[in-house]
Amino acid sequence: MQENEKLYELRKEHIELKQELRPNLDMQSENLLALNELKRNEGQYWGEGLTFLGIILISSIFVYRAYYKQRKLGQMQRNFMMSVTHELKTPLAGIILNMQTMMRRQVDDSTQQKLVGSSETEARRLSDLCNNILIATQIEDGESFLTDESCELGFTLKTVIEEYQERSAREIELELPDEKIQLDGSSDLWKLVFSNLIGNADKYSPPEHPIKVALKNNGKKWVASVADKGIGISDADKKKIFQKFYRVGNENTRNTKGTGIGLYLVKKLVRAFNYDIRVKNNVPHGSIFEVLI
């Protein structure tokens, strides 16, 4: 801008000098041209300046969003490590304590059965956690777990509930139609889907309320639902709960168990077979997860 003004001053002096040398010469047009050039250059400088400023601001926004996203992901990963550590230590500590009790003391058959049963329950928890982490890793690595296998949904739901109730006192109600519904995908993968949904309902609802699992036709599609009467999920969290590592609250203050990858796996597996999943409120309280087939 200053250079442009200096250039204008020099040109103005040149015009004045010509005017002095040739008094009869009309220099008004040259003065007007010089002034117009000054304004044009100023407009060009302002335009370039505003363009660069806009580019800098837009770039800053992208950099900040990337930084914020990376920072948020890092916090979720730290929460995941804390929760996984807790999830691993708790069942291992229970198994070790049960084994030490049976080794160091003479226990009756009834007590021994309880200790073995408790150890088996904790071992299954470890197995479920390992399966979740293994499949999550396969998904992240882009490995294909899709096959030509299929399974019958009603039988799969029965199996999941029976296995779950072997290690939990939670009451689970099951409602199935007479019709047999075939699903794309192996039974093991769908058992993982519904065991995660049932486990999630178990964690976030009072123990005195049963979990209701149902398979119904809504007129367009078959809907496999898992309903609880728990604390419910806010509208804001409904948009986030299927994200990897996401859990409601902070890991330091959260009391419920979990790693933040269960619902992430559920959605990835359901979508992989071209089905859909949604969550809605259970009136008057609680949540309903629906797999649409």
C-alpha atoms as a PDB file:
ATOM      1  CA  MET A   1       0.000   0.000   0.000  1.00  0.00           C
ATOM      2  CA  GLN A   2       2.780   2.468   0.869  1.00  0.00           C
ATOM      3  CA  GLU A   3       4.663   1.656  -2.314  1.00  0.00           C
ATOM      4  CA  ASN A   4       1.486   2.248  -4.293  1.00  0.00           C
ATOM      5  CA  GLU A   5       1.060   5.682  -2.662  1.00  0.00           C
ATOM      6  CA  LYS A   6       4.719   6.547  -3.309  1.00  0.00           C
ATOM      7  CA  LEU A   7       4.283   5.551  -6.951  1.00  0.00           C
ATOM      8  CA  TYR A   8       1.239   7.786  -7.166  1.00  0.00           C
ATOM      9  CA  GLU A   9       3.140  10.696  -5.604  1.00  0.00           C
ATOM     10  CA  LEU A  10       5.994  10.258  -8.086  1.00  0.00           C
ATOM     11  CA  ARG A  11       3.597  10.184 -10.986  1.00  0.00           C
ATOM     12  CA  LYS A  12       1.828  13.238  -9.634  1.00  0.00           C
ATOM     13  CA  GLU A  13       5.151  15.107  -9.374  1.00  0.00           C
ATOM     14  CA  HIS A  14       5.929  14.071 -12.950  1.00  0.00           C
ATOM     15  CA  ILE A  15       2.589  15.491 -14.117  1.00  0.00           C
ATOM     16  CA  GLU A  16       3.177  18.733 -12.200  1.00  0.00           C
ATOM     17  CA  LEU A  17       6.646  19.023 -13.743  1.00  0.00           C
ATOM     18  CA  LYS A  18       5.188  18.596 -17.222  1.00  0.00           C
ATOM     19  CA  GLN A  19       2.583  21.220 -16.359  1.00  0.00           C
ATOM     20  CA  GLU A  20       5.308  23.665 -15.360  1.00  0.00           C
ATOM     21  CA  LEU A  21       7.244  23.060 -18.575  1.00  0.00           C
ATOM     22  CA  ARG A  22       4.145  23.328 -20.747  1.00  0.00           C
ATOM     23  CA  PRO A  23       1.602  25.553 -18.989  1.00  0.00           C
ATOM     24  CA  ASN A  24      -0.867  25.395 -21.823  1.00  0.00           C
ATOM     25  CA  LEU A  25      -1.053  21.560 -21.675  1.00  0.00           C
ATOM     26  CA  ASP A  26      -4.214  20.132 -20.048  1.00  0.00           C
ATOM     27  CA  MET A  27      -3.063  17.507 -17.523  1.00  0.00           C
ATOM     28  CA  GLN A  28      -6.485  16.820 -15.972  1.00  0.00           C
ATOM     29  CA  SER A  29      -6.897  13.535 -17.844  1.00  0.00           C
ATOM     30  CA  GLU A  30      -3.480  12.319 -16.696  1.00  0.00           C
ATOM     31  CA  ASN A  31      -4.293  13.273 -13.107  1.00  0.00           C
ATOM     32  CA  LEU A  32      -7.536  11.318 -13.386  1.00  0.00           C
ATOM     33  CA  LEU A  33      -5.739   8.287 -14.832  1.00  0.00           C
ATOM     34  CA  ALA A  34      -3.160   8.378 -12.034  1.00  0.00           C
ATOM     35  CA  LEU A  35      -5.891   8.608  -9.401  1.00  0.00           C
ATOM     36  CA  ASN A  36      -7.872   5.743 -10.951  1.00  0.00           C
ATOM     37  CA  GLU A  37      -4.738   3.606 -11.087  1.00  0.00           C
ATOM     38  CA  LEU A  38      -4.109   4.352  -7.419  1.00  0.00           C
ATOM     39  CA  LYS A  39      -7.624   3.254  -6.463  1.00  0.00           C
ATOM     40  CA  ARG A  40      -7.431   0.188  -8.698  1.00  0.00           C
ATOM     41  CA  ASN A  41      -4.139  -0.891  -7.142  1.00  0.00           C
ATOM     42  CA  GLU A  42      -5.499  -0.288  -3.652  1.00  0.00           C
ATOM     43  CA  GLY A  43      -8.539  -2.447  -4.458  1.00  0.00           C
ATOM     44  CA  GLN A  44      -6.282  -5.144  -5.815  1.00  0.00           C
ATOM     45  CA  TYR A  45      -4.126  -5.081  -2.682  1.00  0.00           C
ATOM     46  CA  TRP A  46      -7.174  -5.248  -0.431  1.00  0.00           C
ATOM     47  CA  GLY A  47      -8.606  -8.115  -2.457  1.00  0.00           C
ATOM     48  CA  GLU A  48      -5.362 -10.086  -2.293  1.00  0.00           C
ATOM     49  CA  GLY A  49      -5.026  -9.353   1.401  1.00  0.00           C
ATOM     50  CA  LEU A  50      -8.554 -10.479   2.193  1.00  0.00           C
ATOM     51  CA  THR A  51      -8.089 -13.608   0.051  1.00  0.00           C
ATOM     52  CA  PHE A  52      -4.921 -14.581   1.895  1.00  0.00           C
ATOM     53  CA  LEU A  53      -6.576 -13.794   5.218  1.00  0.00           C
ATOM     54  CA  GLY A  54      -9.506 -16.035   4.276  1.00  0.00           C
ATOM     55  CA  ILE A  55      -7.131 -18.840   3.277  1.00  0.00           C
ATOM     56  CA  ILE A  56      -5.268 -18.497   6.569  1.00  0.00           C
ATOM     57  CA  LEU A  57      -8.516 -18.542   8.578  1.00  0.00           C
ATOM     58  CA  ILE A  58      -9.877 -21.578   6.716  1.00  0.00           C
ATOM     59  CA  SER A  59      -6.554 -23.395   7.108  1.00  0.00           C
ATOM     60  CA  SER A  60      -6.530 -22.556  10.820  1.00  0.00           C
ATOM     61  CA  ILE A  61     -10.038 -23.964  11.203  1.00  0.00           C
ATOM     62  CA  PHE A  62      -9.033 -27.230   9.492  1.00  0.00           C
ATOM     63  CA  VAL A  63      -5.870 -27.488  11.594  1.00  0.00           C
ATOM     64  CA  TYR A  64      -7.817 -26.817  14.803  1.00  0.00           C
ATOM     65  CA  ARG A  65     -10.495 -29.367  13.903  1.00  0.00           C
ATOM     66  CA  ALA A  66      -7.835 -31.977  13.112  1.00  0.00           C
ATOM     67  CA  TYR A  67      -6.040 -31.193  16.379  1.00  0.00           C
ATOM     68  CA  TYR A  68      -9.271 -31.314  18.372  1.00  0.00           C
ATOM     69  CA  LYS A  69     -10.310 -34.588  16.727  1.00  0.00           C
ATOM     70  CA  GLN A  70      -6.905 -36.134  17.385  1.00  0.00           C
ATOM     71  CA  ARG A  71      -6.934 -34.914  20.971  1.00  0.00           C
ATOM     72  CA  LYS A  72     -10.437 -36.323  21.499  1.00  0.00           C
ATOM     73  CA  LEU A  73      -9.402 -39.649  19.961  1.00  0.00           C
ATOM     74  CA  GLY A  74      -6.354 -39.722  22.204  1.00  0.00           C
ATOM     75  CA  GLN A  75      -8.551 -39.174  25.267  1.00  0.00           C
ATOM     76  CA  MET A  76     -10.884 -41.963  24.144  1.00  0.00           C
ATOM     77  CA  GLN A  77      -7.910 -44.284  23.627  1.00  0.00           C
ATOM     78  CA  ARG A  78      -6.650 -43.489  27.136  1.00  0.00           C
ATOM     79  CA  ASN A  79     -10.126 -44.193  28.512  1.00  0.00           C
ATOM     80  CA  PHE A  80     -10.162 -47.445  26.545  1.00  0.00           C
ATOM     81  CA  MET A  81      -6.810 -48.520  28.008  1.00  0.00           C
ATOM     82  CA  MET A  82      -8.003 -47.699  31.521  1.00  0.00           C
ATOM     83  CA  SER A  83     -11.250 -49.616  31.069  1.00  0.00           C
ATOM     84  CA  VAL A  84      -9.541 -52.611  29.409  1.00  0.00           C
ATOM     85  CA  THR A  85      -7.026 -52.739  32.238  1.00  0.00           C
ATOM     86  CA  HIS A  86      -9.867 -52.741  34.748  1.00  0.00           C
ATOM     87  CA  GLU A  87     -11.853 -55.313  32.763  1.00  0.00           C
ATOM     88  CA  LEU A  88      -8.826 -57.622  32.629  1.00  0.00           C
ATOM     89  CA  LYS A  89      -7.686 -57.203  36.224  1.00  0.00           C
ATOM     90  CA  THR A  90     -11.085 -57.728  37.838  1.00  0.00           C
ATOM     91  CA  PRO A  91     -11.892 -61.220  36.457  1.00  0.00           C
ATOM     92  CA  LEU A  92      -8.267 -62.320  36.734  1.00  0.00           C
ATOM     93  CA  ALA A  93      -8.185 -61.278  40.386  1.00  0.00           C
ATOM     94  CA  GLY A  94     -11.412 -63.219  41.007  1.00  0.00           C
ATOM     95  CA  ILE A  95     -10.088 -66.360  39.291  1.00  0.00           C
ATOM     96  CA  ILE A  96      -6.770 -66.196  41.176  1.00  0.00           C
ATOM     97  CA  LEU A  97      -8.564 -65.726  44.509  1.00  0.00           C
ATOM     98  CA  ASN A  98     -10.867 -68.682  43.832  1.00  0.00           C
ATOM     99  CA  MET A  99      -7.941 -70.919  42.853  1.00  0.00           C
ATOM    100  CA  GLN A 100      -5.937 -69.894  45.930  1.00  0.00           C
ATOM    101  CA  THR A 101      -8.922 -70.599  48.166  1.00  0.00           C
ATOM    102  CA  MET A 102      -9.316 -74.128  46.777  1.00  0.00           C
ATOM    103  CA  MET A 103      -5.569 -74.814  46.962  1.00  0.00           C
ATOM    104  CA  ARG A 104      -4.936 -73.520  50.477  1.00  0.00           C
ATOM    105  CA  ARG A 105      -8.106 -74.594  52.246  1.00  0.00           C
ATOM    106  CA  GLN A 106     -10.227 -77.648  52.519  1.00  0.00           C
ATOM    107  CA  VAL A 107     -13.587 -76.644  51.080  1.00  0.00           C
ATOM    108  CA  ASP A 108     -16.751 -78.696  50.830  1.00  0.00           C
ATOM    109  CA  ASP A 109     -18.221 -79.732  47.479  1.00  0.00           C
ATOM    110  CA  SER A 110     -20.851 -76.995  47.497  1.00  0.00           C
ATOM    111  CA  THR A 111     -18.296 -74.237  48.075  1.00  0.00           C
ATOM    112  CA  GLN A 112     -15.974 -75.758  45.501  1.00  0.00           C
ATOM    113  CA  GLN A 113     -18.728 -75.752  42.888  1.00  0.00           C
ATOM    114  CA  LYS A 114     -19.464 -72.097  43.627  1.00  0.00           C
ATOM    115  CA  LEU A 115     -15.798 -71.158  43.294  1.00  0.00           C
ATOM    116  CA  VAL A 116     -15.425 -73.092  40.034  1.00  0.00           C
ATOM    117  CA  GLY A 117     -18.641 -71.591  38.692  1.00  0.00           C
ATOM    118  CA  SER A 118     -17.480 -68.093  39.609  1.00  0.00           C
ATOM    119  CA  SER A 119     -14.126 -68.725  37.917  1.00  0.00           C
ATOM    120  CA  GLU A 120     -15.874 -69.972  34.776  1.00  0.00           C
ATOM    121  CA  THR A 121     -18.043 -66.834  34.682  1.00  0.00           C
ATOM    122  CA  GLU A 122     -14.993 -64.584  34.969  1.00  0.00           C
ATOM    123  CA  ALA A 123     -13.154 -66.610  32.322  1.00  0.00           C
ATOM    124  CA  ARG A 124     -16.070 -66.141  29.931  1.00  0.00           C
ATOM    125  CA  ARG A 125     -15.958 -62.418  30.565  1.00  0.00           C
ATOM    126  CA  LEU A 126     -12.308 -62.465  29.548  1.00  0.00           C
ATOM    127  CA  SER A 127     -13.142 -64.511  26.475  1.00  0.00           C
ATOM    128  CA  ASP A 128     -15.887 -62.071  25.418  1.00  0.00           C
ATOM    129  CA  LEU A 129     -13.539 -59.132  25.895  1.00  0.00           C
ATOM    130  CA  CYS A 130     -10.829 -60.824  23.830  1.00  0.00           C
ATOM    131  CA  ASN A 131     -13.326 -61.606  21.059  1.00  0.00           C
ATOM    132  CA  ASN A 132     -14.468 -57.985  20.951  1.00  0.00           C
ATOM    133  CA  ILE A 133     -10.909 -56.668  20.751  1.00  0.00           C
ATOM    134  CA  LEU A 134      -9.926 -59.281  18.149  1.00  0.00           C
ATOM    135  CA  ILE A 135     -12.805 -58.487  15.796  1.00  0.00           C
ATOM    136  CA  ALA A 136     -12.348 -54.730  16.320  1.00  0.00           C
ATOM    137  CA  THR A 137      -8.718 -55.152  15.280  1.00  0.00           C
ATOM    138  CA  GLN A 138      -9.756 -57.143  12.199  1.00  0.00           C
ATOM    139  CA  ILE A 139     -12.199 -54.392  11.231  1.00  0.00           C
ATOM    140  CA  GLU A 140      -9.530 -51.703  11.657  1.00  0.00           C
ATOM    141  CA  ASP A 141      -7.074 -53.736   9.577  1.00  0.00           C
ATOM    142  CA  GLY A 142      -9.663 -54.139   6.818  1.00  0.00           C
ATOM    143  CA  GLU A 143      -9.813 -57.915   7.149  1.00  0.00           C
ATOM    144  CA  SER A 144     -12.927 -59.533   5.743  1.00  0.00           C
ATOM    145  CA  PHE A 145     -14.958 -61.682   8.100  1.00  0.00           C
ATOM    146  CA  LEU A 146     -17.845 -62.075   5.639  1.00  0.00           C
ATOM    147  CA  THR A 147     -18.631 -65.588   4.471  1.00  0.00           C
ATOM    148  CA  ASP A 148     -21.427 -67.384   2.645  1.00  0.00           C
ATOM    149  CA  GLU A 149     -22.714 -68.714   5.967  1.00  0.00           C
ATOM    150  CA  SER A 150     -26.180 -67.992   7.291  1.00  0.00           C
ATOM    151  CA  CYS A 151     -28.000 -68.689  10.548  1.00  0.00           C
ATOM    152  CA  GLU A 152     -31.515 -68.869  11.916  1.00  0.00           C
ATOM    153  CA  LEU A 153     -32.155 -65.748  14.011  1.00  0.00           C
ATOM    154  CA  GLY A 154     -34.597 -67.250  16.530  1.00  0.00           C
ATOM    155  CA  PHE A 155     -32.236 -70.104  17.396  1.00  0.00           C
ATOM    156  CA  THR A 156     -29.321 -67.670  17.673  1.00  0.00           C
ATOM    157  CA  LEU A 157     -31.247 -65.451  20.094  1.00  0.00           C
ATOM    158  CA  LYS A 158     -32.203 -68.457  22.239  1.00  0.00           C
ATOM    159  CA  THR A 159     -28.584 -69.594  22.376  1.00  0.00           C
ATOM    160  CA  VAL A 160     -27.293 -66.132  23.325  1.00  0.00           C
ATOM    161  CA  ILE A 161     -29.815 -65.781  26.131  1.00  0.00           C
ATOM    162  CA  GLU A 162     -29.150 -69.269  27.501  1.00  0.00           C
ATOM    163  CA  GLU A 163     -25.402 -68.669  27.543  1.00  0.00           C
ATOM    164  CA  TYR A 164     -25.824 -65.241  29.099  1.00  0.00           C
ATOM    165  CA  GLN A 165     -28.095 -66.478  31.876  1.00  0.00           C
ATOM    166  CA  GLU A 166     -25.600 -69.178  32.776  1.00  0.00           C
ATOM    167  CA  ARG A 167     -23.367 -66.431  34.143  1.00  0.00           C
ATOM    168  CA  SER A 168     -25.942 -63.818  35.128  1.00  0.00           C
ATOM    169  CA  ALA A 169     -29.009 -63.756  37.363  1.00  0.00           C
ATOM    170  CA  ARG A 170     -30.646 -61.187  35.102  1.00  0.00           C
ATOM    171  CA  GLU A 171     -34.118 -62.161  33.900  1.00  0.00           C
ATOM    172  CA  ILE A 172     -34.434 -62.027  30.129  1.00  0.00           C
ATOM    173  CA  GLU A 173     -37.793 -62.372  28.381  1.00  0.00           C
ATOM    174  CA  LEU A 174     -37.829 -63.683  24.816  1.00  0.00           C
ATOM    175  CA  GLU A 175     -40.629 -63.319  22.268  1.00  0.00           C
ATOM    176  CA  LEU A 176     -40.250 -65.156  18.959  1.00  0.00           C
ATOM    177  CA  PRO A 177     -42.574 -65.718  15.987  1.00  0.00           C
ATOM    178  CA  ASP A 178     -43.379 -69.157  14.615  1.00  0.00           C
ATOM    179  CA  GLU A 179     -41.674 -68.242  11.350  1.00  0.00           C
ATOM    180  CA  LYS A 180     -37.987 -69.035  10.857  1.00  0.00           C
ATOM    181  CA  ILE A 181     -35.895 -66.011   9.901  1.00  0.00           C
ATOM    182  CA  GLN A 182     -32.583 -66.563   8.107  1.00  0.00           C
ATOM    183  CA  LEU A 183     -29.731 -64.108   8.513  1.00  0.00           C
ATOM    184  CA  ASP A 184     -26.647 -63.619   6.375  1.00  0.00           C
ATOM    185  CA  GLY A 185     -23.502 -64.275   8.412  1.00  0.00           C
ATOM    186  CA  SER A 186     -22.268 -66.891  10.827  1.00  0.00           C
ATOM    187  CA  SER A 187     -24.018 -67.687  14.076  1.00  0.00           C
ATOM    188  CA  ASP A 188     -20.886 -66.737  16.059  1.00  0.00           C
ATOM    189  CA  LEU A 189     -20.873 -63.197  14.677  1.00  0.00           C
ATOM    190  CA  TRP A 190     -24.564 -62.667  15.383  1.00  0.00           C
ATOM    191  CA  LYS A 191     -24.164 -64.113  18.857  1.00  0.00           C
ATOM    192  CA  LEU A 192     -21.491 -61.476  19.403  1.00  0.00           C
ATOM    193  CA  VAL A 193     -23.896 -58.756  18.211  1.00  0.00           C
ATOM    194  CA  PHE A 194     -26.771 -59.726  20.486  1.00  0.00           C
ATOM    195  CA  SER A 195     -24.619 -60.636  23.489  1.00  0.00           C
ATOM    196  CA  ASN A 196     -23.180 -57.105  23.335  1.00  0.00           C
ATOM    197  CA  LEU A 197     -26.665 -55.586  23.118  1.00  0.00           C
ATOM    198  CA  ILE A 198     -27.944 -57.687  26.020  1.00  0.00           C
ATOM    199  CA  GLY A 199     -24.795 -56.998  28.039  1.00  0.00           C
ATOM    200  CA  ASN A 200     -25.202 -53.283  27.432  1.00  0.00           C
ATOM    201  CA  ALA A 201     -28.828 -53.406  28.617  1.00  0.00           C
ATOM    202  CA  ASP A 202     -27.746 -55.413  31.662  1.00  0.00           C
ATOM    203  CA  LYS A 203     -25.107 -52.860  32.668  1.00  0.00           C
ATOM    204  CA  TYR A 204     -27.335 -49.805  32.450  1.00  0.00           C
ATOM    205  CA  SER A 205     -30.611 -50.998  33.965  1.00  0.00           C
ATOM    206  CA  PRO A 206     -31.693 -51.985  37.502  1.00  0.00           C
ATOM    207  CA  PRO A 207     -31.347 -55.714  38.261  1.00  0.00           C
ATOM    208  CA  GLU A 208     -34.998 -56.079  39.265  1.00  0.00           C
ATOM    209  CA  HIS A 209     -36.245 -55.170  35.782  1.00  0.00           C
ATOM    210  CA  PRO A 210     -36.134 -57.871  33.091  1.00  0.00           C
ATOM    211  CA  ILE A 211     -34.594 -57.308  29.671  1.00  0.00           C
ATOM    212  CA  LYS A 212     -37.030 -57.943  26.832  1.00  0.00           C
ATOM    213  CA  VAL A 213     -35.757 -59.478  23.606  1.00  0.00           C
ATOM    214  CA  ALA A 214     -38.259 -59.766  20.754  1.00  0.00           C
ATOM    215  CA  LEU A 215     -38.389 -60.579  17.052  1.00  0.00           C
ATOM    216  CA  LYS A 216     -41.349 -59.019  15.245  1.00  0.00           C
ATOM    217  CA  ASN A 217     -42.391 -57.901  11.788  1.00  0.00           C
ATOM    218  CA  ASN A 218     -43.248 -54.185  11.502  1.00  0.00           C
ATOM    219  CA  GLY A 219     -44.964 -54.667   8.148  1.00  0.00           C
ATOM    220  CA  LYS A 220     -41.857 -53.905   6.100  1.00  0.00           C
ATOM    221  CA  LYS A 221     -38.967 -55.589   7.869  1.00  0.00           C
ATOM    222  CA  TRP A 222     -38.202 -57.999  10.651  1.00  0.00           C
ATOM    223  CA  VAL A 223     -37.030 -56.194  13.792  1.00  0.00           C
ATOM    224  CA  ALA A 224     -34.940 -57.862  16.501  1.00  0.00           C
ATOM    225  CA  SER A 225     -35.142 -55.625  19.573  1.00  0.00           C
ATOM    226  CA  VAL A 226     -33.428 -55.522  22.972  1.00  0.00           C
ATOM    227  CA  ALA A 227     -35.317 -53.326  25.446  1.00  0.00           C
ATOM    228  CA  ASP A 228     -34.374 -52.295  28.969  1.00  0.00           C
ATOM    229  CA  LYS A 229     -35.805 -50.042  31.675  1.00  0.00           C
ATOM    230  CA  GLY A 230     -32.543 -48.389  32.593  1.00  0.00           C
ATOM    231  CA  ILE A 231     -31.188 -44.869  32.705  1.00  0.00           C
ATOM    232  CA  GLY A 232     -31.846 -44.239  29.014  1.00  0.00           C
ATOM    233  CA  ILE A 233     -29.673 -42.447  26.469  1.00  0.00           C
ATOM    234  CA  SER A 234     -29.782 -38.728  25.734  1.00  0.00           C
ATOM    235  CA  ASP A 235     -30.401 -37.527  22.190  1.00  0.00           C
ATOM    236  CA  ALA A 236     -26.847 -36.165  22.039  1.00  0.00           C
ATOM    237  CA  ASP A 237     -25.353 -39.501  23.103  1.00  0.00           C
ATOM    238  CA  LYS A 238     -27.548 -41.441  20.659  1.00  0.00           C
ATOM    239  CA  LYS A 239     -25.428 -39.937  17.879  1.00  0.00           C
ATOM    240  CA  LYS A 240     -22.152 -40.987  19.530  1.00  0.00           C
ATOM    241  CA  ILE A 241     -22.651 -44.357  21.236  1.00  0.00           C
ATOM    242  CA  PHE A 242     -21.707 -46.324  18.106  1.00  0.00           C
ATOM    243  CA  GLN A 243     -18.372 -44.520  17.823  1.00  0.00           C
ATOM    244  CA  LYS A 244     -15.231 -46.438  18.701  1.00  0.00           C
ATOM    245  CA  PHE A 245     -14.119 -46.007  22.343  1.00  0.00           C
ATOM    246  CA  TYR A 246     -17.071 -43.731  23.147  1.00  0.00           C
ATOM    247  CA  ARG A 247     -18.632 -44.137  26.568  1.00  0.00           C
ATOM    248  CA  VAL A 248     -20.963 -41.823  28.437  1.00  0.00           C
ATOM    249  CA  GLY A 249     -19.164 -39.963  31.204  1.00  0.00           C
ATOM    250  CA  ASN A 250     -15.542 -40.079  32.286  1.00  0.00           C
ATOM    251  CA  GLU A 251     -13.554 -43.238  32.894  1.00  0.00           C
ATOM    252  CA  ASN A 252     -12.361 -41.966  36.276  1.00  0.00           C
ATOM    253  CA  THR A 253     -15.905 -41.498  37.603  1.00  0.00           C
ATOM    254  CA  ARG A 254     -17.854 -44.126  35.634  1.00  0.00           C
ATOM    255  CA  ASN A 255     -19.090 -47.093  37.655  1.00  0.00           C
ATOM    256  CA  THR A 256     -20.384 -49.373  34.904  1.00  0.00           C
ATOM    257  CA  LYS A 257     -18.123 -51.904  33.240  1.00  0.00           C
ATOM    258  CA  GLY A 258     -17.215 -51.731  29.587  1.00  0.00           C
ATOM    259  CA  THR A 259     -14.560 -50.773  27.053  1.00  0.00           C
ATOM    260  CA  GLY A 260     -16.401 -48.592  24.557  1.00  0.00           C
ATOM    261  CA  ILE A 261     -16.057 -50.981  21.620  1.00  0.00           C
ATOM    262  CA  GLY A 262     -19.123 -53.208  22.111  1.00  0.00           C
ATOM    263  CA  LEU A 263     -21.670 -50.988  20.352  1.00  0.00           C
ATOM    264  CA  TYR A 264     -19.041 -49.967  17.804  1.00  0.00           C
ATOM    265  CA  LEU A 265     -18.672 -53.644  16.867  1.00  0.00           C
ATOM    266  CA  VAL A 266     -22.431 -54.146  16.828  1.00  0.00           C
ATOM    267  CA  LYS A 267     -22.985 -51.413  14.248  1.00  0.00           C
ATOM    268  CA  LYS A 268     -19.996 -52.464  12.119  1.00  0.00           C
ATOM    269  CA  LEU A 269     -21.164 -56.079  11.992  1.00  0.00           C
ATOM    270  CA  VAL A 270     -24.819 -55.219  11.334  1.00  0.00           C
ATOM    271  CA  ARG A 271     -23.911 -52.798   8.538  1.00  0.00           C
ATOM    272  CA  ALA A 272     -21.433 -55.283   7.057  1.00  0.00           C
ATOM    273  CA  PHE A 273     -24.362 -57.574   6.193  1.00  0.00           C
ATOM    274  CA  ASN A 274     -26.403 -54.656   4.780  1.00  0.00           C
ATOM    275  CA  TYR A 275     -28.776 -54.539   7.733  1.00  0.00           C
ATOM    276  CA  ASP A 276     -29.418 -51.529   9.962  1.00  0.00           C
ATOM    277  CA  ILE A 277     -29.501 -50.692  13.661  1.00  0.00           C
ATOM    278  CA  ARG A 278     -31.138 -47.864  15.568  1.00  0.00           C
ATOM    279  CA  VAL A 279     -31.760 -46.842  19.172  1.00  0.00           C
ATOM    280  CA  LYS A 280     -34.834 -45.164  20.613  1.00  0.00           C
ATOM    281  CA  ASN A 281     -36.356 -44.350  23.986  1.00  0.00           C
ATOM    282  CA  ASN A 282     -38.298 -46.976  25.897  1.00  0.00           C
ATOM    283  CA  VAL A 283     -41.341 -45.253  27.405  1.00  0.00           C
ATOM    284  CA  PRO A 284     -41.462 -44.340  30.260  1.00  0.00           C
ATOM    285  CA  HIS A 285     -37.722 -44.909  30.722  1.00  0.00           C
ATOM    286  CA  GLY A 286     -34.918 -46.986  29.282  1.00  0.00           C
ATOM    287  CA  SER A 287     -33.686 -47.728  25.775  1.00  0.00           C
ATOM    288  CA  ILE A 288     -34.568 -50.021  22.890  1.00  0.00           C
ATOM    289  CA  PHE A 289     -31.970 -51.179  20.372  1.00  0.00           C
ATOM    290  CA  GLU A 290     -33.459 -52.487  17.132  1.00  0.00           C
ATOM    291  CA  VAL A 291     -31.739 -54.473  14.411  1.00  0.00           C
ATOM    292  CA  LEU A 292     -33.705 -54.096  11.170  1.00  0.00           C
ATOM    293  CA  ILE A 293     -33.476 -57.081   8.834  1.00  0.00           C
END
